[in-house]
Amino acid sequence: MNSVVLRLARKDIAYVKFILEGYDGLGVMRTLDPYTARVVIEYPKAQYDVLASLIDALKKERVVKEVLSWQA
């Protein structure tokens, strides 16, 4: 499993989790720090392209504030 750490707006944590749950098998999200809205998404390597596209779309919506790290 690979992971990506994101910084969101606090109000959008549940929204992103809901979106991820809609993509069966894309990844699992957990909150690292609810006050700074840092989350980690763990995902299968084969889903990288789909997840990267989703994160780009969420950046355009200004839901994802910052991508802190991608770990392979």
PDB file of N, CA and C in Angstrom:
ATOM      1  N   MET A   1       0.845  -1.190   0.000  1.00  0.00           N
ATOM      2  CA  MET A   1       0.000   0.000   0.000  1.00  0.00           C
ATOM      3  C   MET A   1       0.884   1.244   0.000  1.00  0.00           C
ATOM      4  N   ASN A   2       0.470   2.222  -0.764  1.00  0.00           N
ATOM      5  CA  ASN A   2       1.125   3.519  -0.803  1.00  0.00           C
ATOM      6  C   ASN A   2       0.265   4.510  -0.036  1.00  0.00           C
ATOM      7  N   SER A   3       0.793   5.705   0.197  1.00  0.00           N
ATOM      8  CA  SER A   3       0.004   6.692   0.926  1.00  0.00           C
ATOM      9  C   SER A   3       0.305   8.099   0.433  1.00  0.00           C
ATOM     10  N   VAL A   4      -0.648   8.959   0.668  1.00  0.00           N
ATOM     11  CA  VAL A   4      -0.505  10.382   0.384  1.00  0.00           C
ATOM     12  C   VAL A   4      -1.077  11.137   1.584  1.00  0.00           C
ATOM     13  N   VAL A   5      -0.367  12.192   1.988  1.00  0.00           N
ATOM     14  CA  VAL A   5      -0.814  13.027   3.105  1.00  0.00           C
ATOM     15  C   VAL A   5      -1.285  14.352   2.521  1.00  0.00           C
ATOM     16  N   LEU A   6      -2.480  14.769   2.915  1.00  0.00           N
ATOM     17  CA  LEU A   6      -3.094  15.988   2.404  1.00  0.00           C
ATOM     18  C   LEU A   6      -3.470  16.918   3.543  1.00  0.00           C
ATOM     19  N   ARG A   7      -3.556  18.194   3.211  1.00  0.00           N
ATOM     20  CA  ARG A   7      -4.125  19.168   4.136  1.00  0.00           C
ATOM     21  C   ARG A   7      -5.401  19.687   3.492  1.00  0.00           C
ATOM     22  N   LEU A   8      -6.487  19.600   4.230  1.00  0.00           N
ATOM     23  CA  LEU A   8      -7.803  20.006   3.754  1.00  0.00           C
ATOM     24  C   LEU A   8      -8.306  21.166   4.592  1.00  0.00           C
ATOM     25  N   ALA A   9      -9.454  21.678   4.225  1.00  0.00           N
ATOM     26  CA  ALA A   9     -10.204  22.552   5.127  1.00  0.00           C
ATOM     27  C   ALA A   9     -10.904  21.627   6.119  1.00  0.00           C
ATOM     28  N   ARG A  10     -10.980  22.032   7.376  1.00  0.00           N
ATOM     29  CA  ARG A  10     -11.588  21.162   8.397  1.00  0.00           C
ATOM     30  C   ARG A  10     -12.996  20.728   8.013  1.00  0.00           C
ATOM     31  N   LYS A  11     -13.741  21.633   7.426  1.00  0.00           N
ATOM     32  CA  LYS A  11     -15.127  21.323   7.067  1.00  0.00           C
ATOM     33  C   LYS A  11     -15.229  20.284   5.958  1.00  0.00           C
ATOM     34  N   ASP A  12     -14.134  20.019   5.252  1.00  0.00           N
ATOM     35  CA  ASP A  12     -14.155  19.112   4.112  1.00  0.00           C
ATOM     36  C   ASP A  12     -13.647  17.704   4.409  1.00  0.00           C
ATOM     37  N   ILE A  13     -13.276  17.413   5.636  1.00  0.00           N
ATOM     38  CA  ILE A  13     -12.761  16.077   5.966  1.00  0.00           C
ATOM     39  C   ILE A  13     -13.816  15.008   5.663  1.00  0.00           C
ATOM     40  N   ALA A  14     -15.021  15.184   6.139  1.00  0.00           N
ATOM     41  CA  ALA A  14     -16.081  14.196   5.905  1.00  0.00           C
ATOM     42  C   ALA A  14     -16.443  14.112   4.423  1.00  0.00           C
ATOM     43  N   TYR A  15     -16.414  15.248   3.728  1.00  0.00           N
ATOM     44  CA  TYR A  15     -16.727  15.277   2.303  1.00  0.00           C
ATOM     45  C   TYR A  15     -15.743  14.416   1.508  1.00  0.00           C
ATOM     46  N   VAL A  16     -14.456  14.570   1.770  1.00  0.00           N
ATOM     47  CA  VAL A  16     -13.434  13.795   1.048  1.00  0.00           C
ATOM     48  C   VAL A  16     -13.573  12.313   1.389  1.00  0.00           C
ATOM     49  N   LYS A  17     -13.824  12.005   2.639  1.00  0.00           N
ATOM     50  CA  LYS A  17     -14.016  10.600   3.026  1.00  0.00           C
ATOM     51  C   LYS A  17     -15.214  10.006   2.290  1.00  0.00           C
ATOM     52  N   PHE A  18     -16.294  10.765   2.182  1.00  0.00           N
ATOM     53  CA  PHE A  18     -17.483  10.314   1.476  1.00  0.00           C
ATOM     54  C   PHE A  18     -17.171  10.079  -0.011  1.00  0.00           C
ATOM     55  N   ILE A  19     -16.440  10.973  -0.632  1.00  0.00           N
ATOM     56  CA  ILE A  19     -16.062  10.823  -2.043  1.00  0.00           C
ATOM     57  C   ILE A  19     -15.233   9.551  -2.224  1.00  0.00           C
ATOM     58  N   LEU A  20     -14.245   9.339  -1.356  1.00  0.00           N
ATOM     59  CA  LEU A  20     -13.396   8.146  -1.458  1.00  0.00           C
ATOM     60  C   LEU A  20     -14.200   6.856  -1.319  1.00  0.00           C
ATOM     61  N   GLU A  21     -15.169   6.864  -0.431  1.00  0.00           N
ATOM     62  CA  GLU A  21     -15.992   5.663  -0.238  1.00  0.00           C
ATOM     63  C   GLU A  21     -16.810   5.344  -1.481  1.00  0.00           C
ATOM     64  N   GLY A  22     -17.081   6.357  -2.307  1.00  0.00           N
ATOM     65  CA  GLY A  22     -17.824   6.143  -3.535  1.00  0.00           C
ATOM     66  C   GLY A  22     -17.013   5.418  -4.602  1.00  0.00           C
ATOM     67  N   TYR A  23     -15.702   5.481  -4.499  1.00  0.00           N
ATOM     68  CA  TYR A  23     -14.814   4.775  -5.414  1.00  0.00           C
ATOM     69  C   TYR A  23     -14.410   3.467  -4.745  1.00  0.00           C
ATOM     70  N   ASP A  24     -15.074   2.402  -5.075  1.00  0.00           N
ATOM     71  CA  ASP A  24     -14.827   1.111  -4.432  1.00  0.00           C
ATOM     72  C   ASP A  24     -13.379   0.667  -4.647  1.00  0.00           C
ATOM     73  N   GLY A  25     -12.645   0.482  -3.565  1.00  0.00           N
ATOM     74  CA  GLY A  25     -11.279  -0.019  -3.636  1.00  0.00           C
ATOM     75  C   GLY A  25     -10.223   1.017  -3.965  1.00  0.00           C
ATOM     76  N   LEU A  26     -10.601   2.303  -4.008  1.00  0.00           N
ATOM     77  CA  LEU A  26      -9.614   3.335  -4.345  1.00  0.00           C
ATOM     78  C   LEU A  26      -8.646   3.584  -3.206  1.00  0.00           C
ATOM     79  N   GLY A  27      -9.138   3.651  -1.991  1.00  0.00           N
ATOM     80  CA  GLY A  27      -8.257   3.899  -0.861  1.00  0.00           C
ATOM     81  C   GLY A  27      -9.035   4.075   0.424  1.00  0.00           C
ATOM     82  N   VAL A  28      -8.289   4.168   1.502  1.00  0.00           N
ATOM     83  CA  VAL A  28      -8.857   4.340   2.835  1.00  0.00           C
ATOM     84  C   VAL A  28      -8.249   5.605   3.438  1.00  0.00           C
ATOM     85  N   MET A  29      -9.107   6.466   3.959  1.00  0.00           N
ATOM     86  CA  MET A  29      -8.634   7.721   4.537  1.00  0.00           C
ATOM     87  C   MET A  29      -8.771   7.691   6.043  1.00  0.00           C
ATOM     88  N   ARG A  30      -7.774   8.272   6.710  1.00  0.00           N
ATOM     89  CA  ARG A  30      -7.894   8.490   8.159  1.00  0.00           C
ATOM     90  C   ARG A  30      -7.327   9.863   8.486  1.00  0.00           C
ATOM     91  N   THR A  31      -7.830  10.442   9.531  1.00  0.00           N
ATOM     92  CA  THR A  31      -7.417  11.781   9.943  1.00  0.00           C
ATOM     93  C   THR A  31      -6.202  11.687  10.844  1.00  0.00           C
ATOM     94  N   LEU A  32      -5.151  12.404  10.499  1.00  0.00           N
ATOM     95  CA  LEU A  32      -3.954  12.455  11.336  1.00  0.00           C
ATOM     96  C   LEU A  32      -4.089  13.517  12.417  1.00  0.00           C
ATOM     97  N   ASP A  33      -4.635  14.667  12.043  1.00  0.00           N
ATOM     98  CA  ASP A  33      -4.814  15.768  12.991  1.00  0.00           C
ATOM     99  C   ASP A  33      -6.082  16.540  12.605  1.00  0.00           C
ATOM    100  N   PRO A  34      -7.143  16.431  13.405  1.00  0.00           N
ATOM    101  CA  PRO A  34      -8.390  17.105  13.048  1.00  0.00           C
ATOM    102  C   PRO A  34      -8.309  18.628  13.139  1.00  0.00           C
ATOM    103  N   TYR A  35      -7.387  19.155  13.901  1.00  0.00           N
ATOM    104  CA  TYR A  35      -7.278  20.607  14.065  1.00  0.00           C
ATOM    105  C   TYR A  35      -6.596  21.273  12.878  1.00  0.00           C
ATOM    106  N   THR A  36      -5.592  20.614  12.317  1.00  0.00           N
ATOM    107  CA  THR A  36      -4.926  21.151  11.131  1.00  0.00           C
ATOM    108  C   THR A  36      -5.479  20.523   9.858  1.00  0.00           C
ATOM    109  N   ALA A  37      -6.417  19.600   9.998  1.00  0.00           N
ATOM    110  CA  ALA A  37      -7.082  18.909   8.885  1.00  0.00           C
ATOM    111  C   ALA A  37      -6.090  18.160   8.003  1.00  0.00           C
ATOM    112  N   ARG A  38      -5.125  17.496   8.648  1.00  0.00           N
ATOM    113  CA  ARG A  38      -4.197  16.635   7.905  1.00  0.00           C
ATOM    114  C   ARG A  38      -4.766  15.232   7.884  1.00  0.00           C
ATOM    115  N   VAL A  39      -4.817  14.662   6.672  1.00  0.00           N
ATOM    116  CA  VAL A  39      -5.340  13.311   6.502  1.00  0.00           C
ATOM    117  C   VAL A  39      -4.340  12.493   5.703  1.00  0.00           C
ATOM    118  N   VAL A  40      -4.438  11.183   5.842  1.00  0.00           N
ATOM    119  CA  VAL A  40      -3.632  10.276   5.022  1.00  0.00           C
ATOM    120  C   VAL A  40      -4.595   9.357   4.281  1.00  0.00           C
ATOM    121  N   ILE A  41      -4.280   9.142   3.013  1.00  0.00           N
ATOM    122  CA  ILE A  41      -5.036   8.186   2.205  1.00  0.00           C
ATOM    123  C   ILE A  41      -4.080   7.063   1.837  1.00  0.00           C
ATOM    124  N   GLU A  42      -4.431   5.857   2.224  1.00  0.00           N
ATOM    125  CA  GLU A  42      -3.646   4.679   1.851  1.00  0.00           C
ATOM    126  C   GLU A  42      -4.363   4.020   0.682  1.00  0.00           C
ATOM    127  N   TYR A  43      -3.591   3.696  -0.361  1.00  0.00           N
ATOM    128  CA  TYR A  43      -4.207   3.212  -1.594  1.00  0.00           C
ATOM    129  C   TYR A  43      -3.319   2.157  -2.248  1.00  0.00           C
ATOM    130  N   PRO A  44      -3.913   1.253  -3.035  1.00  0.00           N
ATOM    131  CA  PRO A  44      -3.125   0.272  -3.773  1.00  0.00           C
ATOM    132  C   PRO A  44      -2.347   0.962  -4.897  1.00  0.00           C
ATOM    133  N   LYS A  45      -1.156   0.485  -5.153  1.00  0.00           N
ATOM    134  CA  LYS A  45      -0.299   1.082  -6.175  1.00  0.00           C
ATOM    135  C   LYS A  45      -1.009   1.180  -7.524  1.00  0.00           C
ATOM    136  N   ALA A  46      -1.821   0.202  -7.857  1.00  0.00           N
ATOM    137  CA  ALA A  46      -2.531   0.178  -9.133  1.00  0.00           C
ATOM    138  C   ALA A  46      -3.553   1.310  -9.263  1.00  0.00           C
ATOM    139  N   GLN A  47      -3.935   1.940  -8.155  1.00  0.00           N
ATOM    140  CA  GLN A  47      -4.943   3.004  -8.169  1.00  0.00           C
ATOM    141  C   GLN A  47      -4.338   4.404  -8.183  1.00  0.00           C
ATOM    142  N   TYR A  48      -3.015   4.499  -8.341  1.00  0.00           N
ATOM    143  CA  TYR A  48      -2.343   5.802  -8.277  1.00  0.00           C
ATOM    144  C   TYR A  48      -2.933   6.808  -9.264  1.00  0.00           C
ATOM    145  N   ASP A  49      -3.097   6.415 -10.524  1.00  0.00           N
ATOM    146  CA  ASP A  49      -3.568   7.349 -11.548  1.00  0.00           C
ATOM    147  C   ASP A  49      -4.964   7.880 -11.239  1.00  0.00           C
ATOM    148  N   VAL A  50      -5.841   7.012 -10.799  1.00  0.00           N
ATOM    149  CA  VAL A  50      -7.213   7.429 -10.470  1.00  0.00           C
ATOM    150  C   VAL A  50      -7.190   8.377  -9.275  1.00  0.00           C
ATOM    151  N   LEU A  51      -6.424   8.033  -8.236  1.00  0.00           N
ATOM    152  CA  LEU A  51      -6.357   8.877  -7.043  1.00  0.00           C
ATOM    153  C   LEU A  51      -5.719  10.225  -7.360  1.00  0.00           C
ATOM    154  N   ALA A  52      -4.668  10.235  -8.167  1.00  0.00           N
ATOM    155  CA  ALA A  52      -4.024  11.492  -8.542  1.00  0.00           C
ATOM    156  C   ALA A  52      -4.999  12.396  -9.295  1.00  0.00           C
ATOM    157  N   SER A  53      -5.803  11.819 -10.173  1.00  0.00           N
ATOM    158  CA  SER A  53      -6.811  12.598 -10.906  1.00  0.00           C
ATOM    159  C   SER A  53      -7.870  13.154  -9.953  1.00  0.00           C
ATOM    160  N   LEU A  54      -8.286  12.339  -8.996  1.00  0.00           N
ATOM    161  CA  LEU A  54      -9.270  12.791  -8.018  1.00  0.00           C
ATOM    162  C   LEU A  54      -8.711  13.931  -7.169  1.00  0.00           C
ATOM    163  N   ILE A  55      -7.480  13.803  -6.726  1.00  0.00           N
ATOM    164  CA  ILE A  55      -6.863  14.860  -5.918  1.00  0.00           C
ATOM    165  C   ILE A  55      -6.734  16.144  -6.734  1.00  0.00           C
ATOM    166  N   ASP A  56      -6.361  16.039  -8.004  1.00  0.00           N
ATOM    167  CA  ASP A  56      -6.293  17.230  -8.863  1.00  0.00           C
ATOM    168  C   ASP A  56      -7.652  17.913  -8.972  1.00  0.00           C
ATOM    169  N   ALA A  57      -8.712  17.115  -9.127  1.00  0.00           N
ATOM    170  CA  ALA A  57     -10.069  17.681  -9.205  1.00  0.00           C
ATOM    171  C   ALA A  57     -10.451  18.362  -7.891  1.00  0.00           C
ATOM    172  N   LEU A  58     -10.085  17.747  -6.771  1.00  0.00           N
ATOM    173  CA  LEU A  58     -10.390  18.343  -5.467  1.00  0.00           C
ATOM    174  C   LEU A  58      -9.566  19.599  -5.213  1.00  0.00           C
ATOM    175  N   LYS A  59      -8.374  19.677  -5.784  1.00  0.00           N
ATOM    176  CA  LYS A  59      -7.580  20.912  -5.701  1.00  0.00           C
ATOM    177  C   LYS A  59      -8.279  22.042  -6.449  1.00  0.00           C
ATOM    178  N   LYS A  60      -8.812  21.719  -7.626  1.00  0.00           N
ATOM    179  CA  LYS A  60      -9.519  22.730  -8.420  1.00  0.00           C
ATOM    180  C   LYS A  60     -10.762  23.230  -7.708  1.00  0.00           C
ATOM    181  N   GLU A  61     -11.395  22.353  -6.924  1.00  0.00           N
ATOM    182  CA  GLU A  61     -12.559  22.743  -6.107  1.00  0.00           C
ATOM    183  C   GLU A  61     -12.134  23.477  -4.841  1.00  0.00           C
ATOM    184  N   ARG A  62     -10.836  23.527  -4.600  1.00  0.00           N
ATOM    185  CA  ARG A  62     -10.245  24.138  -3.395  1.00  0.00           C
ATOM    186  C   ARG A  62     -10.615  23.387  -2.119  1.00  0.00           C
ATOM    187  N   VAL A  63     -10.824  22.087  -2.273  1.00  0.00           N
ATOM    188  CA  VAL A  63     -11.064  21.217  -1.119  1.00  0.00           C
ATOM    189  C   VAL A  63      -9.718  20.770  -0.557  1.00  0.00           C
ATOM    190  N   VAL A  64      -8.820  20.335  -1.438  1.00  0.00           N
ATOM    191  CA  VAL A  64      -7.462  19.975  -1.031  1.00  0.00           C
ATOM    192  C   VAL A  64      -6.639  21.253  -1.049  1.00  0.00           C
ATOM    193  N   LYS A  65      -6.125  21.620   0.103  1.00  0.00           N
ATOM    194  CA  LYS A  65      -5.324  22.829   0.229  1.00  0.00           C
ATOM    195  C   LYS A  65      -3.877  22.582  -0.165  1.00  0.00           C
ATOM    196  N   GLU A  66      -3.362  21.393   0.201  1.00  0.00           N
ATOM    197  CA  GLU A  66      -1.956  21.112  -0.038  1.00  0.00           C
ATOM    198  C   GLU A  66      -1.706  19.604   0.000  1.00  0.00           C
ATOM    199  N   VAL A  67      -0.874  19.136  -0.911  1.00  0.00           N
ATOM    200  CA  VAL A  67      -0.398  17.751  -0.881  1.00  0.00           C
ATOM    201  C   VAL A  67       0.923  17.787  -0.129  1.00  0.00           C
ATOM    202  N   LEU A  68       0.969  17.153   1.031  1.00  0.00           N
ATOM    203  CA  LEU A  68       2.151  17.227   1.880  1.00  0.00           C
ATOM    204  C   LEU A  68       3.194  16.183   1.514  1.00  0.00           C
ATOM    205  N   SER A  69       2.761  14.979   1.118  1.00  0.00           N
ATOM    206  CA  SER A  69       3.744  13.968   0.701  1.00  0.00           C
ATOM    207  C   SER A  69       3.063  12.805   0.003  1.00  0.00           C
ATOM    208  N   TRP A  70       3.752  12.267  -0.996  1.00  0.00           N
ATOM    209  CA  TRP A  70       3.370  11.005  -1.661  1.00  0.00           C
ATOM    210  C   TRP A  70       4.413   9.997  -1.255  1.00  0.00           C
ATOM    211  N   GLN A  71       4.000   8.833  -0.785  1.00  0.00           N
ATOM    212  CA  GLN A  71       4.939   7.775  -0.420  1.00  0.00           C
ATOM    213  C   GLN A  71       4.605   6.517  -1.194  1.00  0.00           C
ATOM    214  N   ALA A  72       5.616   6.007  -1.873  1.00  0.00           N
ATOM    215  CA  ALA A  72       5.421   4.786  -2.667  1.00  0.00           C
ATOM    216  C   ALA A  72       5.837   3.580  -1.866  1.00  0.00           C
TER     217      ALA A  72
END
